[in-house]
């Protein structure tokens, strides 16, 4: 019985060490983006304008986007729903960027590519019910600093 408990404690300590090492290697990165159209992230609506965005990792290990309108004191947090590996279509668009899916009535943030990570953040977008034209809009972000 003591051997099982000792092994469990050793495995738990090893897992915690690996988790802390991975977490310490990840940093929050701040960006500035000029978004020329109104948009949504999940169920939150935003006006066109200048935004400060911070890409980070929550204590639970989820990749997050903290977004704040320039000159505003309030920030909103959006949790990514997954991560994306770059595909050929995105390789030519290097650097940090936001990708929006736009329809006739609204643009919705669907992806964030921090530029300092091997993968991007994926955000759920509501299914489009309109039969109108769909397009992608790419907004480049300027890196401000890394925490």
C-alpha atoms as a PDB file:
ATOM      1  CA  UNK A   1       0.000   0.000   0.000  1.00  0.00           C
ATOM      2  CA  UNK A   2       2.814   2.437   0.876  1.00  0.00           C
ATOM      3  CA  UNK A   3       4.497   1.682  -2.445  1.00  0.00           C
ATOM      4  CA  UNK A   4       1.346   2.645  -4.355  1.00  0.00           C
ATOM      5  CA  UNK A   5       1.011   5.880  -2.381  1.00  0.00           C
ATOM      6  CA  UNK A   6       4.717   6.711  -2.893  1.00  0.00           C
ATOM      7  CA  UNK A   7       4.450   6.086  -6.648  1.00  0.00           C
ATOM      8  CA  UNK A   8       1.313   8.223  -6.843  1.00  0.00           C
ATOM      9  CA  UNK A   9       3.022  11.074  -4.979  1.00  0.00           C
ATOM     10  CA  UNK A  10       6.117  10.843  -7.195  1.00  0.00           C
ATOM     11  CA  UNK A  11       3.986  10.891 -10.373  1.00  0.00           C
ATOM     12  CA  UNK A  12       1.940  13.828  -9.058  1.00  0.00           C
ATOM     13  CA  UNK A  13       5.108  15.785  -8.227  1.00  0.00           C
ATOM     14  CA  UNK A  14       6.552  15.059 -11.682  1.00  0.00           C
ATOM     15  CA  UNK A  15       3.331  16.177 -13.382  1.00  0.00           C
ATOM     16  CA  UNK A  16       3.259  19.397 -11.355  1.00  0.00           C
ATOM     17  CA  UNK A  17       6.894  20.118 -12.231  1.00  0.00           C
ATOM     18  CA  UNK A  18       6.231  19.613 -15.941  1.00  0.00           C
ATOM     19  CA  UNK A  19       3.108  21.782 -15.778  1.00  0.00           C
ATOM     20  CA  UNK A  20       4.921  24.589 -13.967  1.00  0.00           C
ATOM     21  CA  UNK A  21       7.791  24.439 -16.485  1.00  0.00           C
ATOM     22  CA  UNK A  22       5.379  24.703 -19.415  1.00  0.00           C
ATOM     23  CA  UNK A  23       3.437  27.528 -17.770  1.00  0.00           C
ATOM     24  CA  UNK A  24       6.577  29.535 -17.024  1.00  0.00           C
ATOM     25  CA  UNK A  25       7.618  29.332 -20.678  1.00  0.00           C
ATOM     26  CA  UNK A  26       4.383  30.979 -21.804  1.00  0.00           C
ATOM     27  CA  UNK A  27       4.093  34.740 -21.664  1.00  0.00           C
ATOM     28  CA  UNK A  28       1.326  37.237 -22.168  1.00  0.00           C
ATOM     29  CA  UNK A  29       1.798  39.387 -25.234  1.00  0.00           C
ATOM     30  CA  UNK A  30       0.133  42.773 -25.763  1.00  0.00           C
ATOM     31  CA  UNK A  31      -0.996  44.048 -29.147  1.00  0.00           C
ATOM     32  CA  UNK A  32      -2.672  47.062 -30.661  1.00  0.00           C
ATOM     33  CA  UNK A  33      -5.168  46.670 -33.499  1.00  0.00           C
ATOM     34  CA  UNK A  34      -7.026  49.238 -35.578  1.00  0.00           C
ATOM     35  CA  UNK A  35     -10.285  47.498 -36.468  1.00  0.00           C
ATOM     36  CA  UNK A  36     -12.177  49.512 -39.124  1.00  0.00           C
ATOM     37  CA  UNK A  37     -15.574  47.830 -38.633  1.00  0.00           C
ATOM     38  CA  UNK A  38     -17.933  46.820 -35.839  1.00  0.00           C
ATOM     39  CA  UNK A  39     -17.466  43.222 -34.746  1.00  0.00           C
ATOM     40  CA  UNK A  40     -18.406  40.521 -32.271  1.00  0.00           C
ATOM     41  CA  UNK A  41     -16.488  38.068 -30.106  1.00  0.00           C
ATOM     42  CA  UNK A  42     -18.918  35.430 -28.904  1.00  0.00           C
ATOM     43  CA  UNK A  43     -21.966  37.334 -27.648  1.00  0.00           C
ATOM     44  CA  UNK A  44     -20.055  40.601 -27.002  1.00  0.00           C
ATOM     45  CA  UNK A  45     -20.348  43.471 -29.501  1.00  0.00           C
ATOM     46  CA  UNK A  46     -17.617  46.028 -30.200  1.00  0.00           C
ATOM     47  CA  UNK A  47     -17.534  49.253 -32.209  1.00  0.00           C
ATOM     48  CA  UNK A  48     -14.951  50.002 -34.876  1.00  0.00           C
ATOM     49  CA  UNK A  49     -11.840  51.562 -33.391  1.00  0.00           C
ATOM     50  CA  UNK A  50      -8.459  51.114 -31.758  1.00  0.00           C
ATOM     51  CA  UNK A  51      -8.099  48.156 -29.385  1.00  0.00           C
ATOM     52  CA  UNK A  52      -5.451  46.856 -27.019  1.00  0.00           C
ATOM     53  CA  UNK A  53      -5.416  43.070 -26.876  1.00  0.00           C
ATOM     54  CA  UNK A  54      -3.497  40.697 -24.625  1.00  0.00           C
ATOM     55  CA  UNK A  55      -3.053  37.061 -25.592  1.00  0.00           C
ATOM     56  CA  UNK A  56      -2.276  34.869 -22.614  1.00  0.00           C
ATOM     57  CA  UNK A  57      -2.954  31.645 -20.796  1.00  0.00           C
ATOM     58  CA  UNK A  58      -5.457  31.286 -17.939  1.00  0.00           C
ATOM     59  CA  UNK A  59      -4.629  29.446 -14.735  1.00  0.00           C
ATOM     60  CA  UNK A  60      -6.578  26.488 -16.153  1.00  0.00           C
ATOM     61  CA  UNK A  61      -4.302  26.402 -19.205  1.00  0.00           C
ATOM     62  CA  UNK A  62      -6.823  27.900 -21.663  1.00  0.00           C
ATOM     63  CA  UNK A  63      -5.562  30.450 -24.177  1.00  0.00           C
ATOM     64  CA  UNK A  64      -7.311  33.774 -23.686  1.00  0.00           C
ATOM     65  CA  UNK A  65      -7.805  37.129 -25.347  1.00  0.00           C
ATOM     66  CA  UNK A  66      -8.266  40.177 -23.133  1.00  0.00           C
ATOM     67  CA  UNK A  67      -9.521  43.081 -25.229  1.00  0.00           C
ATOM     68  CA  UNK A  68      -9.989  46.743 -24.326  1.00  0.00           C
ATOM     69  CA  UNK A  69     -10.993  49.737 -26.418  1.00  0.00           C
ATOM     70  CA  UNK A  70      -8.211  52.345 -26.427  1.00  0.00           C
ATOM     71  CA  UNK A  71      -8.971  55.030 -23.869  1.00  0.00           C
ATOM     72  CA  UNK A  72     -11.404  52.768 -21.997  1.00  0.00           C
ATOM     73  CA  UNK A  73     -10.850  51.411 -18.510  1.00  0.00           C
ATOM     74  CA  UNK A  74     -12.939  48.254 -18.987  1.00  0.00           C
ATOM     75  CA  UNK A  75     -11.602  45.036 -20.500  1.00  0.00           C
ATOM     76  CA  UNK A  76     -13.448  41.938 -21.673  1.00  0.00           C
ATOM     77  CA  UNK A  77     -12.079  38.407 -21.571  1.00  0.00           C
ATOM     78  CA  UNK A  78     -12.678  35.877 -24.358  1.00  0.00           C
ATOM     79  CA  UNK A  79     -11.675  32.241 -23.950  1.00  0.00           C
ATOM     80  CA  UNK A  80     -10.491  30.492 -27.084  1.00  0.00           C
ATOM     81  CA  UNK A  81     -12.372  27.333 -27.975  1.00  0.00           C
ATOM     82  CA  UNK A  82      -9.336  25.647 -29.466  1.00  0.00           C
ATOM     83  CA  UNK A  83      -6.075  26.166 -31.271  1.00  0.00           C
ATOM     84  CA  UNK A  84      -5.167  26.150 -34.933  1.00  0.00           C
ATOM     85  CA  UNK A  85      -2.040  25.030 -36.722  1.00  0.00           C
ATOM     86  CA  UNK A  86      -1.005  27.251 -39.605  1.00  0.00           C
ATOM     87  CA  UNK A  87      -2.007  26.109 -43.063  1.00  0.00           C
ATOM     88  CA  UNK A  88      -0.644  27.228 -46.404  1.00  0.00           C
ATOM     89  CA  UNK A  89      -3.256  29.988 -46.657  1.00  0.00           C
ATOM     90  CA  UNK A  90      -1.945  31.673 -43.489  1.00  0.00           C
ATOM     91  CA  UNK A  91       1.776  31.126 -43.953  1.00  0.00           C
ATOM     92  CA  UNK A  92       2.093  34.067 -46.338  1.00  0.00           C
ATOM     93  CA  UNK A  93       0.415  36.359 -43.794  1.00  0.00           C
ATOM     94  CA  UNK A  94       3.136  36.344 -41.186  1.00  0.00           C
ATOM     95  CA  UNK A  95       3.035  38.347 -38.000  1.00  0.00           C
ATOM     96  CA  UNK A  96       0.286  38.919 -35.459  1.00  0.00           C
ATOM     97  CA  UNK A  97      -3.211  39.238 -36.864  1.00  0.00           C
ATOM     98  CA  UNK A  98      -6.930  38.836 -36.199  1.00  0.00           C
ATOM     99  CA  UNK A  99      -9.186  37.035 -38.677  1.00  0.00           C
ATOM    100  CA  UNK A 100     -12.880  37.941 -38.897  1.00  0.00           C
ATOM    101  CA  UNK A 101     -15.698  36.222 -40.774  1.00  0.00           C
ATOM    102  CA  UNK A 102     -17.939  38.933 -42.178  1.00  0.00           C
ATOM    103  CA  UNK A 103     -21.432  38.679 -43.578  1.00  0.00           C
ATOM    104  CA  UNK A 104     -23.903  41.258 -44.777  1.00  0.00           C
ATOM    105  CA  UNK A 105     -24.790  42.366 -41.250  1.00  0.00           C
ATOM    106  CA  UNK A 106     -21.816  41.657 -38.968  1.00  0.00           C
ATOM    107  CA  UNK A 107     -18.176  40.609 -38.585  1.00  0.00           C
ATOM    108  CA  UNK A 108     -17.228  37.975 -36.019  1.00  0.00           C
ATOM    109  CA  UNK A 109     -13.725  37.291 -34.676  1.00  0.00           C
ATOM    110  CA  UNK A 110     -12.855  33.674 -35.495  1.00  0.00           C
ATOM    111  CA  UNK A 111      -9.048  33.508 -35.164  1.00  0.00           C
ATOM    112  CA  UNK A 112      -6.138  35.288 -33.482  1.00  0.00           C
ATOM    113  CA  UNK A 113      -2.553  34.579 -34.566  1.00  0.00           C
ATOM    114  CA  UNK A 114      -0.174  36.063 -31.952  1.00  0.00           C
ATOM    115  CA  UNK A 115       2.902  35.723 -34.158  1.00  0.00           C
ATOM    116  CA  UNK A 116       5.005  34.518 -31.208  1.00  0.00           C
ATOM    117  CA  UNK A 117       3.371  31.086 -30.960  1.00  0.00           C
ATOM    118  CA  UNK A 118       3.316  28.099 -33.300  1.00  0.00           C
ATOM    119  CA  UNK A 119      -0.472  28.055 -33.290  1.00  0.00           C
ATOM    120  CA  UNK A 120      -3.397  30.428 -33.361  1.00  0.00           C
ATOM    121  CA  UNK A 121      -6.454  30.820 -31.145  1.00  0.00           C
ATOM    122  CA  UNK A 122      -9.852  29.699 -32.422  1.00  0.00           C
ATOM    123  CA  UNK A 123     -13.098  31.409 -31.375  1.00  0.00           C
ATOM    124  CA  UNK A 124     -16.563  30.035 -32.035  1.00  0.00           C
ATOM    125  CA  UNK A 125     -18.661  32.092 -34.379  1.00  0.00           C
ATOM    126  CA  UNK A 126     -22.420  31.785 -34.632  1.00  0.00           C
ATOM    127  CA  UNK A 127     -23.621  30.003 -37.745  1.00  0.00           C
ATOM    128  CA  UNK A 128     -24.640  32.426 -40.434  1.00  0.00           C
ATOM    129  CA  UNK A 129     -28.320  32.286 -41.307  1.00  0.00           C
ATOM    130  CA  UNK A 130     -28.124  34.881 -44.058  1.00  0.00           C
ATOM    131  CA  UNK A 131     -27.761  33.754 -47.646  1.00  0.00           C
ATOM    132  CA  UNK A 132     -25.644  36.818 -48.422  1.00  0.00           C
ATOM    133  CA  UNK A 133     -21.978  37.061 -49.270  1.00  0.00           C
ATOM    134  CA  UNK A 134     -19.404  35.854 -46.724  1.00  0.00           C
ATOM    135  CA  UNK A 135     -15.802  37.113 -46.656  1.00  0.00           C
ATOM    136  CA  UNK A 136     -12.756  37.004 -44.416  1.00  0.00           C
ATOM    137  CA  UNK A 137     -11.204  40.207 -43.108  1.00  0.00           C
ATOM    138  CA  UNK A 138      -7.630  40.147 -41.774  1.00  0.00           C
ATOM    139  CA  UNK A 139      -6.474  42.888 -39.382  1.00  0.00           C
ATOM    140  CA  UNK A 140      -2.775  43.035 -38.593  1.00  0.00           C
ATOM    141  CA  UNK A 141      -1.797  43.753 -34.994  1.00  0.00           C
ATOM    142  CA  UNK A 142       1.200  45.695 -33.715  1.00  0.00           C
ATOM    143  CA  UNK A 143       3.114  44.048 -30.858  1.00  0.00           C
ATOM    144  CA  UNK A 144       3.386  46.379 -27.844  1.00  0.00           C
ATOM    145  CA  UNK A 145       5.361  44.212 -25.414  1.00  0.00           C
ATOM    146  CA  UNK A 146       5.530  40.829 -23.717  1.00  0.00           C
ATOM    147  CA  UNK A 147       4.906  40.522 -19.967  1.00  0.00           C
END
